[in-house]
């Protein structure tokens, strides 16, 4: 969505490593902040995730995932 993938993790351990790095590495944290600011409009101008969530909710309401 906003192209900030280097803060995505698959484990608690990796999450903690990134959280610590963001806390102690000012330069890296600022680069993440700048990238978010630069790409934030991508988040609000992309309706695809909203449509996917909408379809998911519709399927739940129609019990398609409960059978």
N, C-alpha and C. Protein backbone atom coordinates (compact mmCIF):
# COMPACT_ATOMS: atom_id res chain seq x y z
N UNK A 1 0.81 -1.20 0.00
CA UNK A 1 0.00 0.00 0.00
C UNK A 1 0.86 1.27 0.00
N UNK A 2 1.61 1.45 1.07
CA UNK A 2 2.43 2.67 1.13
C UNK A 2 3.91 2.35 0.94
N UNK A 3 4.19 1.13 0.53
CA UNK A 3 5.55 0.72 0.16
C UNK A 3 6.57 0.84 1.29
N UNK A 4 6.13 0.54 2.49
CA UNK A 4 7.04 0.49 3.64
C UNK A 4 7.04 -0.96 4.12
N UNK A 5 7.80 -1.79 3.42
CA UNK A 5 7.78 -3.22 3.70
C UNK A 5 8.89 -3.67 4.65
N UNK A 6 9.86 -2.84 4.89
CA UNK A 6 10.97 -3.26 5.74
C UNK A 6 10.62 -3.22 7.23
N UNK A 7 9.39 -2.90 7.56
CA UNK A 7 8.95 -2.97 8.96
C UNK A 7 7.92 -4.09 9.16
N UNK A 8 7.72 -4.92 8.14
CA UNK A 8 6.80 -6.05 8.24
C UNK A 8 7.59 -7.26 8.74
N UNK A 9 7.01 -7.98 9.69
CA UNK A 9 7.70 -9.14 10.25
C UNK A 9 6.80 -10.37 10.23
N UNK A 10 7.43 -11.50 10.48
CA UNK A 10 6.70 -12.77 10.55
C UNK A 10 6.80 -13.41 11.94
N UNK A 11 7.50 -12.76 12.83
CA UNK A 11 7.66 -13.35 14.17
C UNK A 11 7.73 -12.25 15.22
N UNK A 12 7.46 -12.63 16.44
CA UNK A 12 7.56 -11.69 17.55
C UNK A 12 9.00 -11.20 17.72
N UNK A 13 9.94 -12.12 17.51
CA UNK A 13 11.35 -11.76 17.66
C UNK A 13 11.76 -10.68 16.66
N UNK A 14 11.35 -10.85 15.40
CA UNK A 14 11.65 -9.84 14.38
C UNK A 14 10.95 -8.52 14.68
N UNK A 15 9.72 -8.60 15.19
CA UNK A 15 8.99 -7.39 15.57
C UNK A 15 9.78 -6.63 16.63
N UNK A 16 10.25 -7.34 17.62
CA UNK A 16 11.02 -6.68 18.68
C UNK A 16 12.31 -6.08 18.14
N UNK A 17 13.00 -6.78 17.25
CA UNK A 17 14.23 -6.25 16.67
C UNK A 17 13.96 -4.94 15.92
N UNK A 18 12.88 -4.93 15.14
CA UNK A 18 12.55 -3.72 14.38
C UNK A 18 12.13 -2.60 15.32
N UNK A 19 11.34 -2.92 16.34
CA UNK A 19 10.91 -1.90 17.30
C UNK A 19 12.12 -1.28 18.00
N UNK A 20 13.05 -2.11 18.39
CA UNK A 20 14.27 -1.60 19.05
C UNK A 20 15.08 -0.74 18.08
N UNK A 21 15.24 -1.23 16.86
CA UNK A 21 16.00 -0.48 15.85
C UNK A 21 15.36 0.88 15.58
N UNK A 22 14.03 0.90 15.50
CA UNK A 22 13.34 2.18 15.29
C UNK A 22 13.56 3.12 16.48
N UNK A 23 13.69 2.54 17.66
CA UNK A 23 13.91 3.35 18.86
C UNK A 23 15.31 3.90 18.99
N UNK A 24 16.30 3.19 18.47
CA UNK A 24 17.69 3.64 18.69
C UNK A 24 18.36 4.21 17.44
N UNK A 25 17.82 3.94 16.27
CA UNK A 25 18.47 4.38 15.03
C UNK A 25 17.67 5.54 14.43
N UNK A 26 18.04 6.76 14.81
CA UNK A 26 17.32 7.95 14.37
C UNK A 26 17.28 8.10 12.85
N UNK A 27 18.39 7.81 12.21
CA UNK A 27 18.47 7.97 10.76
C UNK A 27 17.52 7.01 10.04
N UNK A 28 17.51 5.74 10.47
CA UNK A 28 16.63 4.75 9.85
C UNK A 28 15.16 5.08 10.12
N UNK A 29 14.86 5.45 11.38
CA UNK A 29 13.48 5.82 11.74
C UNK A 29 13.00 6.99 10.90
N UNK A 30 13.84 7.99 10.72
CA UNK A 30 13.46 9.16 9.93
C UNK A 30 13.24 8.78 8.47
N UNK A 31 14.02 7.83 7.96
CA UNK A 31 13.82 7.40 6.57
C UNK A 31 12.46 6.70 6.42
N UNK A 32 12.06 5.95 7.45
CA UNK A 32 10.74 5.30 7.43
C UNK A 32 9.64 6.37 7.49
N UNK A 33 9.80 7.32 8.37
CA UNK A 33 8.82 8.42 8.50
C UNK A 33 8.69 9.16 7.17
N UNK A 34 9.82 9.47 6.55
CA UNK A 34 9.79 10.20 5.27
C UNK A 34 9.10 9.40 4.18
N UNK A 35 9.36 8.09 4.14
CA UNK A 35 8.72 7.25 3.13
C UNK A 35 7.21 7.18 3.36
N UNK A 36 6.78 7.08 4.61
CA UNK A 36 5.35 7.08 4.92
C UNK A 36 4.72 8.39 4.49
N UNK A 37 5.35 9.50 4.83
CA UNK A 37 4.81 10.82 4.44
C UNK A 37 4.72 10.95 2.92
N UNK A 38 5.74 10.46 2.23
CA UNK A 38 5.77 10.55 0.78
C UNK A 38 4.66 9.73 0.13
N UNK A 39 4.36 8.56 0.70
CA UNK A 39 3.44 7.62 0.07
C UNK A 39 2.07 7.54 0.72
N UNK A 40 1.78 8.38 1.68
CA UNK A 40 0.51 8.28 2.40
C UNK A 40 -0.70 8.43 1.48
N UNK A 41 -0.56 9.19 0.43
CA UNK A 41 -1.69 9.37 -0.49
C UNK A 41 -2.04 8.05 -1.18
N UNK A 42 -1.06 7.15 -1.33
CA UNK A 42 -1.34 5.84 -1.92
C UNK A 42 -2.35 5.06 -1.09
N UNK A 43 -2.29 5.24 0.20
CA UNK A 43 -3.19 4.54 1.11
C UNK A 43 -4.63 5.01 0.91
N UNK A 44 -4.82 6.29 0.77
CA UNK A 44 -6.17 6.83 0.68
C UNK A 44 -6.73 6.82 -0.73
N UNK A 45 -5.88 6.68 -1.72
CA UNK A 45 -6.36 6.68 -3.10
C UNK A 45 -6.52 5.28 -3.68
N UNK A 46 -6.25 4.26 -2.88
CA UNK A 46 -6.34 2.87 -3.34
C UNK A 46 -7.57 2.21 -2.72
N UNK A 47 -8.58 1.99 -3.52
CA UNK A 47 -9.82 1.40 -3.01
C UNK A 47 -9.79 -0.13 -3.01
N UNK A 48 -8.78 -0.73 -3.59
CA UNK A 48 -8.73 -2.19 -3.66
C UNK A 48 -8.81 -2.85 -2.28
N UNK A 49 -8.01 -2.43 -1.28
CA UNK A 49 -8.12 -3.06 0.04
C UNK A 49 -9.50 -2.90 0.66
N UNK A 50 -10.14 -1.79 0.41
CA UNK A 50 -11.48 -1.56 0.94
C UNK A 50 -12.46 -2.53 0.30
N UNK A 51 -12.34 -2.72 -1.01
CA UNK A 51 -13.23 -3.64 -1.73
C UNK A 51 -13.02 -5.08 -1.27
N UNK A 52 -11.77 -5.47 -1.04
CA UNK A 52 -11.47 -6.82 -0.57
C UNK A 52 -12.09 -7.04 0.81
N UNK A 53 -11.96 -6.06 1.70
CA UNK A 53 -12.54 -6.16 3.02
C UNK A 53 -14.07 -6.20 2.93
N UNK A 54 -14.62 -5.41 2.06
CA UNK A 54 -16.07 -5.41 1.85
C UNK A 54 -16.55 -6.79 1.42
N UNK A 55 -15.86 -7.40 0.48
CA UNK A 55 -16.22 -8.74 0.01
C UNK A 55 -16.11 -9.76 1.14
N UNK A 56 -15.05 -9.65 1.92
CA UNK A 56 -14.87 -10.54 3.07
C UNK A 56 -16.05 -10.43 4.03
N UNK A 57 -16.44 -9.22 4.37
CA UNK A 57 -17.58 -9.03 5.28
C UNK A 57 -18.88 -9.57 4.68
N UNK A 58 -19.07 -9.34 3.41
CA UNK A 58 -20.27 -9.86 2.75
C UNK A 58 -20.30 -11.38 2.81
N UNK A 59 -19.15 -12.00 2.61
CA UNK A 59 -19.08 -13.46 2.67
C UNK A 59 -19.34 -13.99 4.09
N UNK A 60 -18.85 -13.27 5.06
CA UNK A 60 -19.11 -13.66 6.45
C UNK A 60 -20.60 -13.56 6.74
N UNK A 61 -21.20 -12.47 6.36
CA UNK A 61 -22.62 -12.27 6.59
C UNK A 61 -23.44 -13.36 5.89
N UNK A 62 -22.99 -13.77 4.73
CA UNK A 62 -23.69 -14.80 3.97
C UNK A 62 -23.24 -16.21 4.34
N UNK A 63 -22.46 -16.32 5.42
CA UNK A 63 -22.00 -17.60 5.97
C UNK A 63 -21.12 -18.41 5.02
N UNK A 64 -20.49 -17.80 4.07
CA UNK A 64 -19.67 -18.57 3.13
C UNK A 64 -18.42 -19.12 3.78
N UNK A 65 -17.94 -18.47 4.84
CA UNK A 65 -16.74 -18.95 5.50
C UNK A 65 -17.06 -19.85 6.69
N UNK A 66 -18.30 -19.96 7.03
CA UNK A 66 -18.68 -20.73 8.21
C UNK A 66 -19.11 -22.15 7.85
N UNK A 67 -19.17 -22.49 6.59
CA UNK A 67 -19.61 -23.83 6.19
C UNK A 67 -18.45 -24.73 5.90
